[in-house]
Protein backbone atom coordinates (compact mmCIF):
# COMPACT_ATOMS: atom_id res chain seq x y z
CA MET A 1 8.43 -0.65 20.03
CA GLU A 2 8.75 -3.57 17.64
CA SER A 3 11.90 -5.50 16.94
CA VAL A 4 11.91 -6.50 13.28
CA GLY A 5 14.81 -8.57 12.02
CA ALA A 6 18.06 -7.20 13.43
CA HIS A 7 16.63 -3.68 13.65
CA GLU A 8 14.79 -1.85 16.46
CA ILE A 9 11.92 -0.32 14.57
CA VAL A 10 8.99 1.67 15.93
CA ILE A 11 5.68 0.93 14.20
CA SER A 12 3.27 3.79 14.85
CA ALA A 13 -0.22 4.83 13.81
CA ASP A 14 0.21 8.25 15.41
CA ASP A 15 2.73 9.59 12.91
CA ARG A 16 2.08 11.55 9.72
CA PRO A 17 5.35 12.04 7.83
CA GLY A 18 6.21 15.42 6.37
CA ARG A 19 6.48 16.29 2.70
CA GLU A 20 10.25 15.76 2.36
CA GLU A 21 10.12 12.40 4.15
CA LEU A 22 7.27 11.19 1.94
CA VAL A 23 9.00 12.21 -1.28
CA GLU A 24 12.24 10.57 -0.14
CA LEU A 25 10.51 7.29 0.79
CA TYR A 26 8.38 7.07 -2.36
CA ASP A 27 11.42 7.89 -4.52
CA ALA A 28 13.51 5.27 -2.66
CA VAL A 29 11.10 2.51 -3.72
CA GLY A 30 10.82 3.83 -7.27
CA TRP A 31 7.28 5.18 -7.02
CA THR A 32 8.23 8.40 -8.77
CA SER A 33 4.79 8.91 -10.33
CA TYR A 34 3.66 9.81 -6.79
CA THR A 35 6.44 12.35 -6.30
CA THR A 36 6.03 14.41 -9.48
CA ASP A 37 3.50 16.51 -7.55
CA PRO A 38 4.42 16.38 -3.86
CA ASP A 39 1.35 18.42 -2.89
CA VAL A 40 -0.91 15.66 -4.22
CA LEU A 41 1.13 13.03 -2.36
CA VAL A 42 0.86 14.95 0.92
CA ALA A 43 -2.89 15.46 0.41
CA ALA A 44 -3.35 11.75 -0.32
CA VAL A 45 -1.54 10.71 2.85
CA GLU A 46 -3.30 13.34 4.95
CA GLY A 47 -6.67 12.26 3.54
CA SER A 48 -6.09 8.61 4.38
CA THR A 49 -8.21 6.97 7.05
CA ARG A 50 -5.18 5.33 8.66
CA VAL A 51 -1.45 5.82 8.16
CA VAL A 52 1.09 3.56 9.85
CA THR A 53 4.82 4.24 9.76
CA ALA A 54 7.98 2.33 10.52
CA ARG A 55 10.88 4.35 11.90
CA TYR A 56 14.36 3.73 13.18
CA GLY A 57 15.03 6.78 15.30
CA GLU A 58 13.94 9.70 13.14
CA ASP A 59 14.41 7.82 9.85
CA LEU A 60 11.25 6.88 7.96
CA LEU A 61 11.72 3.29 6.81
CA GLY A 62 8.24 2.38 5.66
CA LEU A 63 4.61 3.36 5.46
CA ALA A 64 1.21 1.76 4.90
CA ARG A 65 -2.02 3.64 4.41
CA VAL A 66 -5.70 2.71 4.22
CA VAL A 67 -8.73 4.50 2.82
CA SER A 68 -12.00 3.22 4.30
CA ASP A 69 -15.58 4.01 5.24
CA GLY A 70 -14.99 1.95 8.38
CA ALA A 71 -18.01 -0.26 7.74
CA SER A 72 -18.06 -2.02 4.38
CA ILE A 73 -14.73 -1.51 2.62
CA ALA A 74 -11.08 -0.90 3.46
CA TYR A 75 -8.69 -0.13 0.63
CA LEU A 76 -5.02 -0.80 1.38
CA GLN A 77 -3.60 1.97 -0.78
CA ASP A 78 0.16 1.94 -0.23
CA VAL A 79 2.70 -0.33 1.42
CA LEU A 80 6.28 0.89 1.09
CA VAL A 81 9.47 -0.32 2.73
CA ARG A 82 12.93 0.97 1.92
CA PRO A 83 14.66 -1.55 -0.37
CA GLU A 84 17.43 -2.35 2.11
CA LEU A 85 14.83 -3.49 4.68
CA GLN A 86 12.52 -5.45 2.40
CA ARG A 87 12.07 -9.11 3.35
CA GLU A 88 12.87 -8.29 7.01
CA GLY A 89 9.24 -8.37 8.26
CA VAL A 90 8.69 -4.60 8.18
CA GLY A 91 6.02 -4.78 5.45
CA ARG A 92 4.15 -7.50 7.33
CA GLN A 93 4.14 -5.40 10.52
CA LEU A 94 2.95 -2.33 8.59
CA VAL A 95 0.08 -4.17 6.88
CA GLN A 96 -1.05 -5.83 10.10
CA ALA A 97 -0.99 -2.53 12.01
CA ALA A 98 -2.69 -0.63 9.18
CA MET A 99 -5.51 -3.16 8.76
CA GLU A 100 -6.06 -3.97 12.46
CA PRO A 101 -8.95 -1.48 12.97
CA PHE A 102 -10.72 -2.90 9.91
CA GLU A 103 -10.91 -6.57 10.99
CA HIS A 104 -14.73 -6.31 11.03
CA VAL A 105 -14.89 -4.87 7.50
CA ARG A 106 -16.04 -7.44 4.94
CA GLN A 107 -14.22 -6.18 1.84
CA LYS A 108 -10.52 -5.50 1.98
CA VAL A 109 -9.08 -4.45 -1.38
CA LEU A 110 -5.70 -3.59 -2.86
CA LEU A 111 -4.09 -3.11 -6.25
CA THR A 112 -0.48 -4.10 -6.77
CA ASP A 113 2.03 -4.75 -9.50
CA ASP A 114 2.01 -8.11 -11.24
CA GLU A 115 5.16 -9.52 -9.66
CA PRO A 116 5.53 -12.96 -8.06
CA ARG A 117 7.18 -11.52 -4.90
CA GLN A 118 4.24 -9.20 -4.31
CA ARG A 119 1.70 -11.94 -4.88
CA ALA A 120 3.57 -14.20 -2.44
CA PHE A 121 3.78 -11.39 0.13
CA TYR A 122 0.06 -10.61 0.11
CA GLU A 123 -0.94 -14.28 0.00
CA SER A 124 1.24 -14.88 3.07
CA LEU A 125 -0.94 -12.28 4.82
CA GLY A 126 -4.17 -14.01 3.84
CA TRP A 127 -5.08 -11.96 0.76
CA THR A 128 -6.52 -13.73 -2.29
CA GLU A 129 -6.14 -12.61 -5.87
CA LEU A 130 -9.55 -11.85 -7.38
CA ARG A 131 -9.26 -14.46 -10.12
CA ASP A 132 -8.63 -17.11 -7.44
CA HIS A 133 -11.60 -16.10 -5.28
CA GLY A 134 -14.89 -17.95 -5.17
CA ASP A 135 -16.61 -19.21 -8.27
CA GLY A 136 -15.27 -16.54 -10.63
CA ARG A 137 -18.41 -14.39 -10.69
CA LEU A 138 -16.80 -11.42 -8.95
CA ARG A 139 -15.26 -8.70 -11.13
CA ALA A 140 -13.17 -5.65 -10.33
CA PHE A 141 -12.95 -2.56 -12.51
CA VAL A 142 -10.62 0.40 -12.38
CA ARG A 143 -10.59 3.73 -14.16
CA PHE A 144 -7.45 5.82 -14.27
CA ALA A 145 -7.30 9.52 -15.04
CA GLU A 146 -5.30 10.39 -18.11
CA VAL A 147 -1.77 11.45 -17.28
CA PRO A 148 -0.43 14.38 -19.32
CA GLY A 149 2.19 13.14 -21.75
CA GLU A 150 1.02 9.51 -21.69
CA PRO A 151 -1.39 8.07 -24.23
CA ALA A 152 -4.78 6.99 -22.89
CA GLY A 153 -5.14 3.28 -22.20
CA THR A 154 -1.43 2.57 -21.77
CA ASP A 155 -0.11 -0.90 -21.08
CA ALA A 156 0.63 0.23 -17.51
CA ASP A 157 -3.08 0.96 -16.99
CA GLU A 158 -3.99 -2.46 -18.37
CA ASP A 159 -1.39 -4.16 -16.17
CA LEU A 160 -2.79 -2.48 -13.05
CA ALA A 161 -6.35 -3.37 -14.00
CA ASP A 162 -5.37 -7.05 -14.20
CA THR A 163 -3.85 -7.18 -10.70
CA ALA A 164 -6.80 -6.43 -8.42
CA SER A 165 -6.75 -8.54 -5.27
CA VAL A 166 -9.74 -8.88 -3.00
CA SER A 167 -10.32 -10.65 0.30
CA VAL A 168 -14.02 -11.02 0.93
């Protein structure tokens, strides 16, 4: 059991939240593009290499998940914390617990929104934005599937492509 801020929160890697809990959490943080098809969200979480949750009693407060081959790359896919508990240390605990089995992995990668708070959060955990890494010879590329109803190559796609962060 972890004590985070003024809350008694259990951080666990042995917990796979159910469909309703996932939809509620992702909606709570505004990630509604994940919840338009809950079956895909559930499959994504179930297919993750590692899922770590934060709970207060039965309430799901946060989640982090990693997709990895366990040898050369670990992709930190999602880090979510309910808005009322953000900046209380829950996200830090989730990331540390999620990434702990991948300490030996050379490449740790994540994509995130281009917001100063997120950059500061990940930098505080030792992550480096790609453009700040090394001598500038490393590049990251992304390719997003077209979303029905959205034009191809939207500004949102371009924004995400510009925010790759890599720790090598």
